[in-house]
């Protein structure tokens, strides 16, 4: 909220307005939405996959929702993903 109150923070007017309108929710959110920090989690590999897990399923979703170009960009990015990241 400090960024909302600071005119030099770099927020766009729309961002500033939305955050300001959300101020009442944001004030109580930590009490309402608590993150569990005591749950054991399995190991996690943050590396991007080189290809979709279910290419045909992805194609079906792309066709259904008109996401052909976005899915094409996703595939291009995954194919060029650096496995060390």
C-alpha atoms as a PDB file:
ATOM      1  CA  UNK A   1       0.000   0.000   0.000  1.00  0.00           C
ATOM      2  CA  UNK A   2       3.026   2.225   0.368  1.00  0.00           C
ATOM      3  CA  UNK A   3       3.362   2.218  -3.427  1.00  0.00           C
ATOM      4  CA  UNK A   4      -0.271   3.308  -3.796  1.00  0.00           C
ATOM      5  CA  UNK A   5       0.353   6.254  -1.476  1.00  0.00           C
ATOM      6  CA  UNK A   6       3.651   7.212  -3.146  1.00  0.00           C
ATOM      7  CA  UNK A   7       3.091   9.243  -6.351  1.00  0.00           C
ATOM      8  CA  UNK A   8       6.639   8.390  -7.495  1.00  0.00           C
ATOM      9  CA  UNK A   9       6.175   4.623  -7.144  1.00  0.00           C
ATOM     10  CA  UNK A  10       5.753   3.985 -10.857  1.00  0.00           C
ATOM     11  CA  UNK A  11       2.306   2.426 -10.639  1.00  0.00           C
ATOM     12  CA  UNK A  12       0.051   3.152 -13.571  1.00  0.00           C
ATOM     13  CA  UNK A  13      -3.118   5.091 -12.772  1.00  0.00           C
ATOM     14  CA  UNK A  14      -5.165   1.917 -13.340  1.00  0.00           C
ATOM     15  CA  UNK A  15      -2.963  -0.133 -11.000  1.00  0.00           C
ATOM     16  CA  UNK A  16      -3.106   2.585  -8.366  1.00  0.00           C
ATOM     17  CA  UNK A  17      -6.910   2.818  -8.639  1.00  0.00           C
ATOM     18  CA  UNK A  18      -7.431  -0.964  -8.431  1.00  0.00           C
ATOM     19  CA  UNK A  19      -5.162  -1.323  -5.416  1.00  0.00           C
ATOM     20  CA  UNK A  20      -6.740   1.671  -3.719  1.00  0.00           C
ATOM     21  CA  UNK A  21     -10.211   0.205  -4.287  1.00  0.00           C
ATOM     22  CA  UNK A  22      -8.987  -3.094  -2.837  1.00  0.00           C
ATOM     23  CA  UNK A  23      -7.588  -1.429   0.288  1.00  0.00           C
ATOM     24  CA  UNK A  24     -10.356  -2.710   2.639  1.00  0.00           C
ATOM     25  CA  UNK A  25      -9.862  -6.306   1.440  1.00  0.00           C
ATOM     26  CA  UNK A  26      -6.083  -6.069   1.558  1.00  0.00           C
ATOM     27  CA  UNK A  27      -6.267  -4.830   5.147  1.00  0.00           C
ATOM     28  CA  UNK A  28      -8.025  -8.026   6.310  1.00  0.00           C
ATOM     29  CA  UNK A  29      -6.617 -10.519   3.782  1.00  0.00           C
ATOM     30  CA  UNK A  30      -3.743 -11.729   5.981  1.00  0.00           C
ATOM     31  CA  UNK A  31      -6.292 -12.731   8.639  1.00  0.00           C
ATOM     32  CA  UNK A  32      -8.694 -14.328   6.150  1.00  0.00           C
ATOM     33  CA  UNK A  33      -6.227 -16.009   3.794  1.00  0.00           C
ATOM     34  CA  UNK A  34      -3.495 -17.696   5.756  1.00  0.00           C
ATOM     35  CA  UNK A  35      -0.752 -19.564   3.946  1.00  0.00           C
ATOM     36  CA  UNK A  36       0.134 -22.917   5.421  1.00  0.00           C
ATOM     37  CA  UNK A  37       3.861 -22.894   6.017  1.00  0.00           C
ATOM     38  CA  UNK A  38       4.096 -26.151   7.946  1.00  0.00           C
ATOM     39  CA  UNK A  39       3.142 -28.613   5.208  1.00  0.00           C
ATOM     40  CA  UNK A  40       5.866 -30.911   3.877  1.00  0.00           C
ATOM     41  CA  UNK A  41       6.169 -30.552   0.112  1.00  0.00           C
ATOM     42  CA  UNK A  42       7.711 -32.922  -2.411  1.00  0.00           C
ATOM     43  CA  UNK A  43      10.818 -31.919  -4.307  1.00  0.00           C
ATOM     44  CA  UNK A  44      10.277 -29.421  -7.091  1.00  0.00           C
ATOM     45  CA  UNK A  45      12.175 -29.020 -10.348  1.00  0.00           C
ATOM     46  CA  UNK A  46      11.718 -25.413 -11.527  1.00  0.00           C
ATOM     47  CA  UNK A  47      13.108 -26.147 -15.008  1.00  0.00           C
ATOM     48  CA  UNK A  48      10.666 -25.602 -17.847  1.00  0.00           C
ATOM     49  CA  UNK A  49       9.743 -28.701 -19.810  1.00  0.00           C
ATOM     50  CA  UNK A  50      10.995 -28.904 -23.396  1.00  0.00           C
ATOM     51  CA  UNK A  51       7.538 -29.852 -24.701  1.00  0.00           C
ATOM     52  CA  UNK A  52       3.966 -30.043 -23.403  1.00  0.00           C
ATOM     53  CA  UNK A  53       3.120 -33.121 -21.339  1.00  0.00           C
ATOM     54  CA  UNK A  54      -0.052 -33.718 -23.375  1.00  0.00           C
ATOM     55  CA  UNK A  55       0.430 -32.172 -26.861  1.00  0.00           C
ATOM     56  CA  UNK A  56      -2.894 -33.412 -28.243  1.00  0.00           C
ATOM     57  CA  UNK A  57      -4.764 -32.150 -25.178  1.00  0.00           C
ATOM     58  CA  UNK A  58      -3.084 -28.787 -25.577  1.00  0.00           C
ATOM     59  CA  UNK A  59      -4.085 -28.725 -29.253  1.00  0.00           C
ATOM     60  CA  UNK A  60      -7.693 -29.485 -28.282  1.00  0.00           C
ATOM     61  CA  UNK A  61      -7.735 -26.643 -25.761  1.00  0.00           C
ATOM     62  CA  UNK A  62      -6.150 -24.274 -28.273  1.00  0.00           C
ATOM     63  CA  UNK A  63      -8.775 -25.138 -30.886  1.00  0.00           C
ATOM     64  CA  UNK A  64     -11.642 -24.907 -28.418  1.00  0.00           C
ATOM     65  CA  UNK A  65     -10.641 -21.520 -27.027  1.00  0.00           C
ATOM     66  CA  UNK A  66      -8.989 -19.968 -30.090  1.00  0.00           C
ATOM     67  CA  UNK A  67      -5.512 -19.981 -28.588  1.00  0.00           C
ATOM     68  CA  UNK A  68      -3.583 -21.255 -31.591  1.00  0.00           C
ATOM     69  CA  UNK A  69      -1.128 -18.361 -31.787  1.00  0.00           C
ATOM     70  CA  UNK A  70      -0.540 -18.278 -28.025  1.00  0.00           C
ATOM     71  CA  UNK A  71       0.041 -22.031 -27.925  1.00  0.00           C
ATOM     72  CA  UNK A  72       2.408 -21.723 -30.864  1.00  0.00           C
ATOM     73  CA  UNK A  73       4.425 -19.105 -28.967  1.00  0.00           C
ATOM     74  CA  UNK A  74       4.387 -21.344 -25.886  1.00  0.00           C
ATOM     75  CA  UNK A  75       5.747 -24.281 -27.868  1.00  0.00           C
ATOM     76  CA  UNK A  76       8.455 -22.089 -29.386  1.00  0.00           C
ATOM     77  CA  UNK A  77       9.508 -20.889 -25.937  1.00  0.00           C
ATOM     78  CA  UNK A  78       9.496 -24.381 -24.469  1.00  0.00           C
ATOM     79  CA  UNK A  79      11.563 -25.734 -27.349  1.00  0.00           C
ATOM     80  CA  UNK A  80      14.150 -23.022 -26.744  1.00  0.00           C
ATOM     81  CA  UNK A  81      14.037 -23.275 -22.945  1.00  0.00           C
ATOM     82  CA  UNK A  82      17.357 -23.605 -21.206  1.00  0.00           C
ATOM     83  CA  UNK A  83      17.194 -26.844 -19.165  1.00  0.00           C
ATOM     84  CA  UNK A  84      19.481 -25.338 -16.514  1.00  0.00           C
ATOM     85  CA  UNK A  85      16.882 -22.701 -15.489  1.00  0.00           C
END
